[in-house]
PDB file of all heavy atoms in Angstrom:
ATOM      1  N   TYR A   1      -8.472 -37.842  -7.461  1.00  0.00           N
ATOM      2  CA  TYR A   1      -7.467 -36.868  -7.856  1.00  0.00           C
ATOM      3  C   TYR A   1      -6.321 -36.914  -6.844  1.00  0.00           C
ATOM      4  O   TYR A   1      -6.533 -36.829  -5.639  1.00  0.00           O
ATOM      5  CB  TYR A   1      -8.040 -35.458  -7.880  1.00  0.00           C
ATOM      6  CG  TYR A   1      -8.937 -35.149  -9.044  1.00  0.00           C
ATOM      7  CD1 TYR A   1     -10.317 -35.256  -8.941  1.00  0.00           C
ATOM      8  CD2 TYR A   1      -8.413 -34.747 -10.264  1.00  0.00           C
ATOM      9  CE1 TYR A   1     -11.171 -34.979 -10.007  1.00  0.00           C
ATOM     10  CE2 TYR A   1      -9.229 -34.467 -11.348  1.00  0.00           C
ATOM     11  CZ  TYR A   1     -10.608 -34.576 -11.215  1.00  0.00           C
ATOM     12  OH  TYR A   1     -11.416 -34.301 -12.261  1.00  0.00           O
ATOM     13  N   LEU A   2      -5.112 -37.062  -7.346  1.00  0.00           N
ATOM     14  CA  LEU A   2      -3.935 -37.028  -6.491  1.00  0.00           C
ATOM     15  C   LEU A   2      -3.389 -35.606  -6.485  1.00  0.00           C
ATOM     16  O   LEU A   2      -2.400 -35.273  -7.156  1.00  0.00           O
ATOM     17  CB  LEU A   2      -2.864 -37.999  -6.996  1.00  0.00           C
ATOM     18  CG  LEU A   2      -3.269 -39.469  -7.078  1.00  0.00           C
ATOM     19  CD1 LEU A   2      -2.095 -40.330  -7.600  1.00  0.00           C
ATOM     20  CD2 LEU A   2      -3.735 -39.980  -5.716  1.00  0.00           C
ATOM     21  N   ALA A   3      -4.065 -34.739  -5.739  1.00  0.00           N
ATOM     22  CA  ALA A   3      -3.676 -33.337  -5.708  1.00  0.00           C
ATOM     23  C   ALA A   3      -4.189 -32.667  -4.458  1.00  0.00           C
ATOM     24  O   ALA A   3      -5.249 -33.008  -3.929  1.00  0.00           O
ATOM     25  CB  ALA A   3      -4.247 -32.615  -6.937  1.00  0.00           C
ATOM     26  N   ARG A   4      -3.407 -31.697  -3.985  1.00  0.00           N
ATOM     27  CA  ARG A   4      -3.785 -30.841  -2.876  1.00  0.00           C
ATOM     28  C   ARG A   4      -3.448 -29.434  -3.327  1.00  0.00           C
ATOM     29  O   ARG A   4      -2.346 -29.170  -3.811  1.00  0.00           O
ATOM     30  CB  ARG A   4      -2.985 -31.232  -1.641  1.00  0.00           C
ATOM     31  CG  ARG A   4      -3.280 -30.448  -0.372  1.00  0.00           C
ATOM     32  CD  ARG A   4      -2.568 -31.078   0.818  1.00  0.00           C
ATOM     33  NE  ARG A   4      -3.270 -32.265   1.289  1.00  0.00           N
ATOM     34  CZ  ARG A   4      -2.636 -33.329   1.786  1.00  0.00           C
ATOM     35  NH1 ARG A   4      -1.336 -33.361   1.851  1.00  0.00           N
ATOM     36  NH2 ARG A   4      -3.346 -34.351   2.247  1.00  0.00           N
ATOM     37  N   MET A   5      -4.410 -28.478  -3.175  1.00  0.00           N
ATOM     38  CA  MET A   5      -4.249 -27.174  -3.781  1.00  0.00           C
ATOM     39  C   MET A   5      -4.376 -26.049  -2.733  1.00  0.00           C
ATOM     40  O   MET A   5      -5.153 -26.152  -1.794  1.00  0.00           O
ATOM     41  CB  MET A   5      -5.330 -26.965  -4.869  1.00  0.00           C
ATOM     42  CG  MET A   5      -5.249 -27.952  -5.990  1.00  0.00           C
ATOM     43  SD  MET A   5      -6.647 -27.810  -7.141  1.00  0.00           S
ATOM     44  CE  MET A   5      -7.972 -28.438  -6.103  1.00  0.00           C
ATOM     45  N   LEU A   6      -3.607 -25.002  -2.960  1.00  0.00           N
ATOM     46  CA  LEU A   6      -3.660 -23.786  -2.161  1.00  0.00           C
ATOM     47  C   LEU A   6      -4.020 -22.616  -3.066  1.00  0.00           C
ATOM     48  O   LEU A   6      -3.345 -22.390  -4.082  1.00  0.00           O
ATOM     49  CB  LEU A   6      -2.319 -23.521  -1.496  1.00  0.00           C
ATOM     50  CG  LEU A   6      -2.159 -22.195  -0.752  1.00  0.00           C
ATOM     51  CD1 LEU A   6      -3.106 -22.115   0.436  1.00  0.00           C
ATOM     52  CD2 LEU A   6      -0.722 -21.965  -0.321  1.00  0.00           C
ATOM     53  N   PHE A   7      -5.107 -21.904  -2.736  1.00  0.00           N
ATOM     54  CA  PHE A   7      -5.557 -20.753  -3.527  1.00  0.00           C
ATOM     55  C   PHE A   7      -5.408 -19.480  -2.688  1.00  0.00           C
ATOM     56  O   PHE A   7      -5.529 -19.504  -1.473  1.00  0.00           O
ATOM     57  CB  PHE A   7      -7.024 -20.914  -3.929  1.00  0.00           C
ATOM     58  CG  PHE A   7      -7.275 -21.936  -4.991  1.00  0.00           C
ATOM     59  CD1 PHE A   7      -7.483 -23.265  -4.639  1.00  0.00           C
ATOM     60  CD2 PHE A   7      -7.282 -21.598  -6.339  1.00  0.00           C
ATOM     61  CE1 PHE A   7      -7.714 -24.219  -5.608  1.00  0.00           C
ATOM     62  CE2 PHE A   7      -7.532 -22.535  -7.314  1.00  0.00           C
ATOM     63  CZ  PHE A   7      -7.738 -23.869  -6.957  1.00  0.00           C
ATOM     64  N   ALA A   8      -5.191 -18.386  -3.399  1.00  0.00           N
ATOM     65  CA  ALA A   8      -5.174 -17.077  -2.768  1.00  0.00           C
ATOM     66  C   ALA A   8      -5.889 -16.077  -3.662  1.00  0.00           C
ATOM     67  O   ALA A   8      -5.789 -16.132  -4.880  1.00  0.00           O
ATOM     68  CB  ALA A   8      -3.736 -16.598  -2.505  1.00  0.00           C
ATOM     69  N   GLU A   9      -6.641 -15.201  -3.020  1.00  0.00           N
ATOM     70  CA  GLU A   9      -7.331 -14.102  -3.717  1.00  0.00           C
ATOM     71  C   GLU A   9      -6.892 -12.782  -3.079  1.00  0.00           C
ATOM     72  O   GLU A   9      -7.042 -12.612  -1.848  1.00  0.00           O
ATOM     73  CB  GLU A   9      -8.843 -14.277  -3.608  1.00  0.00           C
ATOM     74  CG  GLU A   9      -9.660 -13.209  -4.319  1.00  0.00           C
ATOM     75  CD  GLU A   9     -11.139 -13.423  -4.166  1.00  0.00           C
ATOM     76  OE1 GLU A   9     -11.631 -13.446  -2.984  1.00  0.00           O
ATOM     77  OE2 GLU A   9     -11.824 -13.627  -5.175  1.00  0.00           O
ATOM     78  N   ILE A  10      -6.397 -11.864  -3.872  1.00  0.00           N
ATOM     79  CA  ILE A  10      -5.859 -10.642  -3.330  1.00  0.00           C
ATOM     80  C   ILE A  10      -6.977  -9.606  -3.105  1.00  0.00           C
ATOM     81  O   ILE A  10      -7.935  -9.529  -3.880  1.00  0.00           O
ATOM     82  CB  ILE A  10      -4.763 -10.057  -4.254  1.00  0.00           C
ATOM     83  CG1 ILE A  10      -3.966  -8.987  -3.543  1.00  0.00           C
ATOM     84  CG2 ILE A  10      -5.392  -9.524  -5.568  1.00  0.00           C
ATOM     85  CD1 ILE A  10      -2.674  -8.642  -4.225  1.00  0.00           C
ATOM     86  N   GLY A  11      -6.832  -8.864  -2.002  1.00  0.00           N
ATOM     87  CA  GLY A  11      -7.785  -7.817  -1.665  1.00  0.00           C
ATOM     88  C   GLY A  11      -7.151  -6.441  -1.766  1.00  0.00           C
ATOM     89  O   GLY A  11      -5.984  -6.301  -2.175  1.00  0.00           O
ATOM     90  N   GLU A  12      -7.908  -5.435  -1.367  1.00  0.00           N
ATOM     91  CA  GLU A  12      -7.404  -4.061  -1.423  1.00  0.00           C
ATOM     92  C   GLU A  12      -6.276  -3.816  -0.427  1.00  0.00           C
ATOM     93  O   GLU A  12      -5.413  -2.981  -0.656  1.00  0.00           O
ATOM     94  CB  GLU A  12      -8.542  -3.066  -1.180  1.00  0.00           C
ATOM     95  CG  GLU A  12      -9.583  -3.074  -2.285  1.00  0.00           C
ATOM     96  CD  GLU A  12      -9.013  -2.680  -3.638  1.00  0.00           C
ATOM     97  OE1 GLU A  12      -8.180  -1.729  -3.680  1.00  0.00           O
ATOM     98  OE2 GLU A  12      -9.364  -3.316  -4.635  1.00  0.00           O
ATOM     99  N   LYS A  13      -6.289  -4.546   0.668  1.00  0.00           N
ATOM    100  CA  LYS A  13      -5.238  -4.439   1.695  1.00  0.00           C
ATOM    101  C   LYS A  13      -4.997  -5.835   2.260  1.00  0.00           C
ATOM    102  O   LYS A  13      -5.810  -6.755   2.038  1.00  0.00           O
ATOM    103  CB  LYS A  13      -5.638  -3.469   2.802  1.00  0.00           C
ATOM    104  CG  LYS A  13      -6.965  -3.744   3.465  1.00  0.00           C
ATOM    105  CD  LYS A  13      -7.287  -2.642   4.447  1.00  0.00           C
ATOM    106  CE  LYS A  13      -8.572  -2.945   5.232  1.00  0.00           C
ATOM    107  NZ  LYS A  13      -9.752  -3.015   4.372  1.00  0.00           N
ATOM    108  N   PRO A  14      -3.853  -6.057   2.953  1.00  0.00           N
ATOM    109  CA  PRO A  14      -3.534  -7.399   3.437  1.00  0.00           C
ATOM    110  C   PRO A  14      -4.641  -8.035   4.272  1.00  0.00           C
ATOM    111  O   PRO A  14      -4.869  -9.257   4.172  1.00  0.00           O
ATOM    112  CB  PRO A  14      -2.277  -7.171   4.278  1.00  0.00           C
ATOM    113  CG  PRO A  14      -1.607  -6.008   3.630  1.00  0.00           C
ATOM    114  CD  PRO A  14      -2.723  -5.123   3.185  1.00  0.00           C
ATOM    115  N   ASP A  15      -5.384  -7.247   5.033  1.00  0.00           N
ATOM    116  CA  ASP A  15      -6.462  -7.799   5.857  1.00  0.00           C
ATOM    117  C   ASP A  15      -7.566  -8.418   4.999  1.00  0.00           C
ATOM    118  O   ASP A  15      -8.352  -9.243   5.482  1.00  0.00           O
ATOM    119  CB  ASP A  15      -7.078  -6.730   6.765  1.00  0.00           C
ATOM    120  CG  ASP A  15      -6.169  -6.357   7.916  1.00  0.00           C
ATOM    121  OD1 ASP A  15      -5.215  -7.138   8.173  1.00  0.00           O
ATOM    122  OD2 ASP A  15      -6.378  -5.308   8.537  1.00  0.00           O
ATOM    123  N   ASP A  16      -7.673  -7.994   3.731  1.00  0.00           N
ATOM    124  CA  ASP A  16      -8.745  -8.495   2.862  1.00  0.00           C
ATOM    125  C   ASP A  16      -8.312  -9.710   2.041  1.00  0.00           C
ATOM    126  O   ASP A  16      -9.140 -10.289   1.312  1.00  0.00           O
ATOM    127  CB  ASP A  16      -9.174  -7.381   1.886  1.00  0.00           C
ATOM    128  CG  ASP A  16      -9.757  -6.195   2.618  1.00  0.00           C
ATOM    129  OD1 ASP A  16     -10.372  -6.383   3.669  1.00  0.00           O
ATOM    130  OD2 ASP A  16      -9.583  -5.062   2.113  1.00  0.00           O
ATOM    131  N   ASP A  17      -7.062 -10.085   2.075  1.00  0.00           N
ATOM    132  CA  ASP A  17      -6.585 -11.241   1.318  1.00  0.00           C
ATOM    133  C   ASP A  17      -7.227 -12.512   1.852  1.00  0.00           C
ATOM    134  O   ASP A  17      -7.471 -12.671   3.062  1.00  0.00           O
ATOM    135  CB  ASP A  17      -5.041 -11.369   1.423  1.00  0.00           C
ATOM    136  CG  ASP A  17      -4.329 -10.216   0.768  1.00  0.00           C
ATOM    137  OD1 ASP A  17      -4.957  -9.500  -0.055  1.00  0.00           O
ATOM    138  OD2 ASP A  17      -3.160  -9.996   1.070  1.00  0.00           O
ATOM    139  N   LEU A  18      -7.488 -13.451   0.940  1.00  0.00           N
ATOM    140  CA  LEU A  18      -8.126 -14.716   1.307  1.00  0.00           C
ATOM    141  C   LEU A  18      -7.242 -15.874   0.869  1.00  0.00           C
ATOM    142  O   LEU A  18      -6.784 -15.924  -0.267  1.00  0.00           O
ATOM    143  CB  LEU A  18      -9.496 -14.835   0.645  1.00  0.00           C
ATOM    144  CG  LEU A  18     -10.245 -16.151   0.855  1.00  0.00           C
ATOM    145  CD1 LEU A  18     -10.596 -16.366   2.308  1.00  0.00           C
ATOM    146  CD2 LEU A  18     -11.518 -16.167  -0.011  1.00  0.00           C
ATOM    147  N   PHE A  19      -7.023 -16.815   1.777  1.00  0.00           N
ATOM    148  CA  PHE A  19      -6.269 -18.038   1.498  1.00  0.00           C
ATOM    149  C   PHE A  19      -7.135 -19.230   1.858  1.00  0.00           C
ATOM    150  O   PHE A  19      -7.736 -19.264   2.946  1.00  0.00           O
ATOM    151  CB  PHE A  19      -4.979 -18.083   2.325  1.00  0.00           C
ATOM    152  CG  PHE A  19      -4.042 -16.948   2.090  1.00  0.00           C
ATOM    153  CD1 PHE A  19      -4.155 -15.761   2.817  1.00  0.00           C
ATOM    154  CD2 PHE A  19      -3.046 -17.028   1.124  1.00  0.00           C
ATOM    155  CE1 PHE A  19      -3.300 -14.711   2.601  1.00  0.00           C
ATOM    156  CE2 PHE A  19      -2.171 -15.975   0.895  1.00  0.00           C
ATOM    157  CZ  PHE A  19      -2.294 -14.821   1.636  1.00  0.00           C
ATOM    158  N   LEU A  20      -7.190 -20.226   0.985  1.00  0.00           N
ATOM    159  CA  LEU A  20      -7.886 -21.451   1.343  1.00  0.00           C
ATOM    160  C   LEU A  20      -7.218 -22.641   0.644  1.00  0.00           C
ATOM    161  O   LEU A  20      -6.592 -22.513  -0.403  1.00  0.00           O
ATOM    162  CB  LEU A  20      -9.367 -21.403   1.035  1.00  0.00           C
ATOM    163  CG  LEU A  20      -9.890 -21.189  -0.372  1.00  0.00           C
ATOM    164  CD1 LEU A  20      -9.873 -22.484  -1.192  1.00  0.00           C
ATOM    165  CD2 LEU A  20     -11.310 -20.641  -0.321  1.00  0.00           C
ATOM    166  N   ARG A  21      -7.365 -23.798   1.303  1.00  0.00           N
ATOM    167  CA  ARG A  21      -6.756 -25.040   0.839  1.00  0.00           C
ATOM    168  C   ARG A  21      -7.871 -26.005   0.475  1.00  0.00           C
ATOM    169  O   ARG A  21      -8.859 -26.155   1.208  1.00  0.00           O
ATOM    170  CB  ARG A  21      -5.881 -25.599   1.938  1.00  0.00           C
ATOM    171  CG  ARG A  21      -5.075 -26.806   1.558  1.00  0.00           C
ATOM    172  CD  ARG A  21      -4.014 -27.093   2.629  1.00  0.00           C
ATOM    173  NE  ARG A  21      -4.579 -27.331   3.950  1.00  0.00           N
ATOM    174  CZ  ARG A  21      -4.296 -26.633   5.033  1.00  0.00           C
ATOM    175  NH1 ARG A  21      -3.446 -25.644   4.972  1.00  0.00           N
ATOM    176  NH2 ARG A  21      -4.851 -26.905   6.208  1.00  0.00           N
ATOM    177  N   ILE A  22      -7.757 -26.672  -0.680  1.00  0.00           N
ATOM    178  CA  ILE A  22      -8.693 -27.707  -1.067  1.00  0.00           C
ATOM    179  C   ILE A  22      -7.979 -29.034  -1.166  1.00  0.00           C
ATOM    180  O   ILE A  22      -6.975 -29.143  -1.878  1.00  0.00           O
ATOM    181  CB  ILE A  22      -9.380 -27.382  -2.414  1.00  0.00           C
ATOM    182  CG1 ILE A  22      -9.959 -25.961  -2.439  1.00  0.00           C
ATOM    183  CG2 ILE A  22     -10.478 -28.402  -2.710  1.00  0.00           C
ATOM    184  CD1 ILE A  22     -10.625 -25.614  -3.733  1.00  0.00           C
ATOM    185  N   ASP A  23      -8.485 -30.017  -0.451  1.00  0.00           N
ATOM    186  CA  ASP A  23      -7.835 -31.322  -0.403  1.00  0.00           C
ATOM    187  C   ASP A  23      -8.394 -32.254  -1.457  1.00  0.00           C
ATOM    188  O   ASP A  23      -9.408 -31.953  -2.111  1.00  0.00           O
ATOM    189  CB  ASP A  23      -7.954 -31.944   0.974  1.00  0.00           C
ATOM    190  CG  ASP A  23      -6.611 -32.397   1.504  1.00  0.00           C
ATOM    191  OD1 ASP A  23      -5.773 -32.884   0.705  1.00  0.00           O
ATOM    192  OD2 ASP A  23      -6.371 -32.261   2.723  1.00  0.00           O
ATOM    193  N   TYR A  24      -7.756 -33.395  -1.611  1.00  0.00           N
ATOM    194  CA  TYR A  24      -8.123 -34.377  -2.636  1.00  0.00           C
ATOM    195  C   TYR A  24      -9.516 -34.922  -2.460  1.00  0.00           C
ATOM    196  O   TYR A  24     -10.138 -35.420  -3.396  1.00  0.00           O
ATOM    197  CB  TYR A  24      -7.120 -35.540  -2.627  1.00  0.00           C
ATOM    198  CG  TYR A  24      -6.957 -36.158  -1.246  1.00  0.00           C
ATOM    199  CD1 TYR A  24      -7.829 -37.134  -0.773  1.00  0.00           C
ATOM    200  CD2 TYR A  24      -5.925 -35.735  -0.397  1.00  0.00           C
ATOM    201  CE1 TYR A  24      -7.684 -37.675   0.481  1.00  0.00           C
ATOM    202  CE2 TYR A  24      -5.783 -36.262   0.865  1.00  0.00           C
ATOM    203  CZ  TYR A  24      -6.657 -37.233   1.299  1.00  0.00           C
ATOM    204  OH  TYR A  24      -6.512 -37.772   2.553  1.00  0.00           O
ATOM    205  N   ASP A  25     -10.101 -34.836  -1.245  1.00  0.00           N
ATOM    206  CA  ASP A  25     -11.459 -35.333  -0.996  1.00  0.00           C
ATOM    207  C   ASP A  25     -12.507 -34.218  -1.019  1.00  0.00           C
ATOM    208  O   ASP A  25     -13.640 -34.434  -0.668  1.00  0.00           O
ATOM    209  CB  ASP A  25     -11.502 -36.070   0.352  1.00  0.00           C
ATOM    210  CG  ASP A  25     -11.098 -35.151   1.511  1.00  0.00           C
ATOM    211  OD1 ASP A  25     -10.701 -33.995   1.261  1.00  0.00           O
ATOM    212  OD2 ASP A  25     -11.166 -35.626   2.672  1.00  0.00           O
TER     213      ASP A  25
END
């Protein structure tokens, strides 16, 4: 796959937000 992805999941407050990156491998 020729792709690199950034995901975010929102929480009840900024401290609860989640960010993660998934690479092509």
